[in-house]
């Protein structure tokens, strides 16, 4: 019985991915109101995130796209001001929102 109870409490891979998506969205929001140096550090930290294993195909695809957009944003902003209105910033936010919405489908 204990094993059944533990399995019910453990989040599924898609749920873990959803938590990561919320985290990424939160960090981008904080970066938007941070100094340029702080924003670069936050973006560089997000750029190290690895895809969640064993997720459903739609979740995996959305997560990979969002993480790629975040890496592109971090690379673009390296050594520059982190303008949160840039096309790279907007793309990262859109892909994260799509990632969040995949779970609700």
C-alpha atoms as a PDB file:
ATOM      1  CA  UNK A   1       0.000   0.000   0.000  1.00  0.00           C
ATOM      2  CA  UNK A   2       2.839   2.372   0.773  1.00  0.00           C
ATOM      3  CA  UNK A   3       4.195   2.036  -2.795  1.00  0.00           C
ATOM      4  CA  UNK A   4       0.794   2.885  -4.279  1.00  0.00           C
ATOM      5  CA  UNK A   5       0.527   5.932  -2.023  1.00  0.00           C
ATOM      6  CA  UNK A   6       4.019   7.132  -2.988  1.00  0.00           C
ATOM      7  CA  UNK A   7       3.310   6.737  -6.694  1.00  0.00           C
ATOM      8  CA  UNK A   8       0.191   8.843  -6.362  1.00  0.00           C
ATOM      9  CA  UNK A   9       2.145  11.651  -4.668  1.00  0.00           C
ATOM     10  CA  UNK A  10       5.067  11.626  -7.075  1.00  0.00           C
ATOM     11  CA  UNK A  11       4.514  14.024  -9.957  1.00  0.00           C
ATOM     12  CA  UNK A  12       4.451  12.572 -13.454  1.00  0.00           C
ATOM     13  CA  UNK A  13       7.081  13.653 -15.936  1.00  0.00           C
ATOM     14  CA  UNK A  14       4.576  15.975 -17.644  1.00  0.00           C
ATOM     15  CA  UNK A  15       3.797  17.553 -14.273  1.00  0.00           C
ATOM     16  CA  UNK A  16       7.518  18.003 -13.592  1.00  0.00           C
ATOM     17  CA  UNK A  17       7.864  19.659 -16.977  1.00  0.00           C
ATOM     18  CA  UNK A  18       4.931  21.937 -16.157  1.00  0.00           C
ATOM     19  CA  UNK A  19       6.642  22.980 -12.911  1.00  0.00           C
ATOM     20  CA  UNK A  20       9.782  23.771 -14.921  1.00  0.00           C
ATOM     21  CA  UNK A  21       7.716  25.833 -17.379  1.00  0.00           C
ATOM     22  CA  UNK A  22       6.247  27.867 -14.523  1.00  0.00           C
ATOM     23  CA  UNK A  23       9.728  28.350 -13.108  1.00  0.00           C
ATOM     24  CA  UNK A  24      11.076  29.567 -16.462  1.00  0.00           C
ATOM     25  CA  UNK A  25       8.190  31.995 -16.874  1.00  0.00           C
ATOM     26  CA  UNK A  26       8.769  33.358 -13.368  1.00  0.00           C
ATOM     27  CA  UNK A  27      12.483  33.825 -13.952  1.00  0.00           C
ATOM     28  CA  UNK A  28      11.867  35.669 -17.233  1.00  0.00           C
ATOM     29  CA  UNK A  29       9.420  37.967 -15.446  1.00  0.00           C
ATOM     30  CA  UNK A  30      12.001  38.703 -12.750  1.00  0.00           C
ATOM     31  CA  UNK A  31      14.693  39.244 -15.387  1.00  0.00           C
ATOM     32  CA  UNK A  32      12.442  41.795 -17.115  1.00  0.00           C
ATOM     33  CA  UNK A  33      12.531  44.041 -14.038  1.00  0.00           C
ATOM     34  CA  UNK A  34      16.161  43.392 -13.098  1.00  0.00           C
ATOM     35  CA  UNK A  35      19.330  45.238 -13.932  1.00  0.00           C
ATOM     36  CA  UNK A  36      21.036  44.197 -17.158  1.00  0.00           C
ATOM     37  CA  UNK A  37      23.704  42.280 -15.260  1.00  0.00           C
ATOM     38  CA  UNK A  38      21.148  40.467 -13.103  1.00  0.00           C
ATOM     39  CA  UNK A  39      18.994  39.657 -16.131  1.00  0.00           C
ATOM     40  CA  UNK A  40      21.963  38.193 -17.998  1.00  0.00           C
ATOM     41  CA  UNK A  41      22.770  36.005 -14.987  1.00  0.00           C
ATOM     42  CA  UNK A  42      19.184  34.794 -14.727  1.00  0.00           C
ATOM     43  CA  UNK A  43      18.992  34.042 -18.448  1.00  0.00           C
ATOM     44  CA  UNK A  44      22.326  32.233 -18.390  1.00  0.00           C
ATOM     45  CA  UNK A  45      21.028  30.119 -15.512  1.00  0.00           C
ATOM     46  CA  UNK A  46      17.885  29.196 -17.437  1.00  0.00           C
ATOM     47  CA  UNK A  47      19.965  28.361 -20.497  1.00  0.00           C
ATOM     48  CA  UNK A  48      21.487  25.430 -18.575  1.00  0.00           C
ATOM     49  CA  UNK A  49      18.111  23.715 -18.049  1.00  0.00           C
ATOM     50  CA  UNK A  50      17.893  20.257 -19.590  1.00  0.00           C
ATOM     51  CA  UNK A  51      14.721  18.693 -21.023  1.00  0.00           C
ATOM     52  CA  UNK A  52      12.601  16.637 -18.655  1.00  0.00           C
ATOM     53  CA  UNK A  53      12.845  12.925 -19.415  1.00  0.00           C
ATOM     54  CA  UNK A  54       9.912  10.613 -20.120  1.00  0.00           C
ATOM     55  CA  UNK A  55       7.366  13.316 -20.967  1.00  0.00           C
ATOM     56  CA  UNK A  56       4.596  12.913 -23.510  1.00  0.00           C
ATOM     57  CA  UNK A  57       5.517  13.801 -27.088  1.00  0.00           C
ATOM     58  CA  UNK A  58       3.566  17.107 -27.145  1.00  0.00           C
ATOM     59  CA  UNK A  59       5.069  18.182 -23.812  1.00  0.00           C
ATOM     60  CA  UNK A  60       8.591  17.184 -24.885  1.00  0.00           C
ATOM     61  CA  UNK A  61       8.278  19.127 -28.144  1.00  0.00           C
ATOM     62  CA  UNK A  62       6.980  22.260 -26.389  1.00  0.00           C
ATOM     63  CA  UNK A  63       9.668  22.033 -23.707  1.00  0.00           C
ATOM     64  CA  UNK A  64      12.479  21.618 -26.252  1.00  0.00           C
ATOM     65  CA  UNK A  65      11.219  24.622 -28.242  1.00  0.00           C
ATOM     66  CA  UNK A  66      11.002  26.806 -25.138  1.00  0.00           C
ATOM     67  CA  UNK A  67      14.430  25.810 -23.872  1.00  0.00           C
ATOM     68  CA  UNK A  68      15.919  26.484 -27.323  1.00  0.00           C
ATOM     69  CA  UNK A  69      14.293  29.946 -27.362  1.00  0.00           C
ATOM     70  CA  UNK A  70      15.650  30.638 -23.868  1.00  0.00           C
ATOM     71  CA  UNK A  71      19.159  29.575 -24.939  1.00  0.00           C
ATOM     72  CA  UNK A  72      18.910  31.784 -28.011  1.00  0.00           C
ATOM     73  CA  UNK A  73      17.789  34.707 -25.851  1.00  0.00           C
ATOM     74  CA  UNK A  74      20.617  34.140 -23.366  1.00  0.00           C
ATOM     75  CA  UNK A  75      23.152  33.948 -26.207  1.00  0.00           C
ATOM     76  CA  UNK A  76      21.767  37.061 -27.859  1.00  0.00           C
ATOM     77  CA  UNK A  77      21.824  39.012 -24.620  1.00  0.00           C
ATOM     78  CA  UNK A  78      25.347  37.931 -23.642  1.00  0.00           C
ATOM     79  CA  UNK A  79      27.289  41.135 -23.185  1.00  0.00           C
ATOM     80  CA  UNK A  80      24.335  43.325 -24.163  1.00  0.00           C
ATOM     81  CA  UNK A  81      21.474  44.961 -22.404  1.00  0.00           C
ATOM     82  CA  UNK A  82      18.597  42.531 -21.846  1.00  0.00           C
ATOM     83  CA  UNK A  83      15.797  44.401 -23.578  1.00  0.00           C
ATOM     84  CA  UNK A  84      12.666  42.522 -22.644  1.00  0.00           C
ATOM     85  CA  UNK A  85      10.834  43.931 -25.660  1.00  0.00           C
ATOM     86  CA  UNK A  86      13.207  42.315 -28.157  1.00  0.00           C
ATOM     87  CA  UNK A  87      11.943  39.742 -30.619  1.00  0.00           C
ATOM     88  CA  UNK A  88      14.079  37.088 -28.914  1.00  0.00           C
ATOM     89  CA  UNK A  89      12.527  37.922 -25.550  1.00  0.00           C
ATOM     90  CA  UNK A  90       9.010  37.815 -26.976  1.00  0.00           C
ATOM     91  CA  UNK A  91       9.722  34.491 -28.694  1.00  0.00           C
ATOM     92  CA  UNK A  92      10.974  32.969 -25.440  1.00  0.00           C
ATOM     93  CA  UNK A  93       7.854  34.129 -23.598  1.00  0.00           C
ATOM     94  CA  UNK A  94       5.546  32.815 -26.354  1.00  0.00           C
ATOM     95  CA  UNK A  95       7.197  29.403 -26.379  1.00  0.00           C
ATOM     96  CA  UNK A  96       6.983  29.175 -22.586  1.00  0.00           C
ATOM     97  CA  UNK A  97       3.278  30.082 -22.696  1.00  0.00           C
ATOM     98  CA  UNK A  98       2.739  27.411 -25.366  1.00  0.00           C
ATOM     99  CA  UNK A  99       4.613  24.921 -23.171  1.00  0.00           C
ATOM    100  CA  UNK A 100       2.325  25.776 -20.253  1.00  0.00           C
ATOM    101  CA  UNK A 101      -0.769  25.389 -22.421  1.00  0.00           C
ATOM    102  CA  UNK A 102       0.208  21.948 -23.755  1.00  0.00           C
ATOM    103  CA  UNK A 103      -0.503  20.498 -20.324  1.00  0.00           C
ATOM    104  CA  UNK A 104      -4.083  21.812 -20.412  1.00  0.00           C
ATOM    105  CA  UNK A 105      -4.930  20.196 -23.770  1.00  0.00           C
END
